[in-house]
Amino acid sequence: LGLSVQEQPFTALTPLGPVDMVNLILRLPGRRPDRILFTGHYDTKLYQDTVFVGASDGASSAAWLIEMARVLSSQPHEFTYDFVWLDGEEAVIQWRPGDHTYGSRFYVQSERTANALSSIRANILVDMIGDSDLRIRRDQRSTPWLNDVIWSAAKRAGHAETFIDAATEIDDDHIPFLEAGVPSVDIIDLDYPAWHTPNDDLKHVSQKSLQIVGDVLLAA
C-alpha cells in the first residue's frame, strides 16, 4: 500500500521466561493530532501438540486492520488514525493475571511514558470478527458511548442482526486502555465453537463478516 509501518519491539516476561515480541504501528495523519486507534492482535494461541491456524482468532482482526487502513488512507480525514497490530494477546500458558495482553499493556505503558495518552480520543478493538455466523454483543466493560455510536451505526446500515442488543463481558486487549482512561470498545464474537481448536480455519470464517464489521465501523 506504500504505507510505513513502525515496529515496537519489547521483551515480555512470561511464565515460560522472557519472550521477544513486537507491536506493529501504522499512522495516517489527519487534520488534527487527536487520534483514533484501531487495534487488534495478530498472534495465535501457543500449542505444543495441536496444529492451530487461528483464522478468526486472530487472523481476522489482522486482515481487517490492513483493509481498513487501505480504505481510510485513500480519503481525507479529520482525526489522525493509528492502526496497531498487537502481539501477545494470548496467554502463554493460561489466562490469569499477568499472562495475557502483553502487547496492549506494553503499548499503553509506552504511551503513558511519552505523555501521549491524552491525544487518544477512542480505541476501537477488533477481535474474532471472522465467524461465518457472526453475532456481536455489547461488551459491558467497553465505554458506553462508544457502544452506542457503533450499535446505532449498525442499525442504520441494516446490520442489527449482527450487532445484536445483548450483553456480554469480555477480558481483552481493550482493558489496559480502559484502565488508563482511554475510551475503548471491543468488537468480538466469542460465541464461536471453533475457538482455540484446530477447526478455527478458513472453513469456519466468512468474508461477509469482515465486510459487515468494516461497513459498520466506517459508518460509525
Foldseek 3Di string as FASTA:
>chain_A
DPFDKDKDWDWAQAPVGTDIDIKIKTKDAAQDAQEEEEEEEDDDADDDPADADCVLAPVLSVVLLVVLCVVVNVDHDHYMYMYMHFYFQAFNPHDDPRRGLRRLLVVLVVCVVVVNLVSYQEYEYEGRQFFPQAAWEFAPVADVVVLVLLCVLCVVVVNCRRHDHDYDHDDTSCVSSVVVVHHYGYTHDPVAVCPPHNPSDPVGGDPVSSVSVSSSVVSD
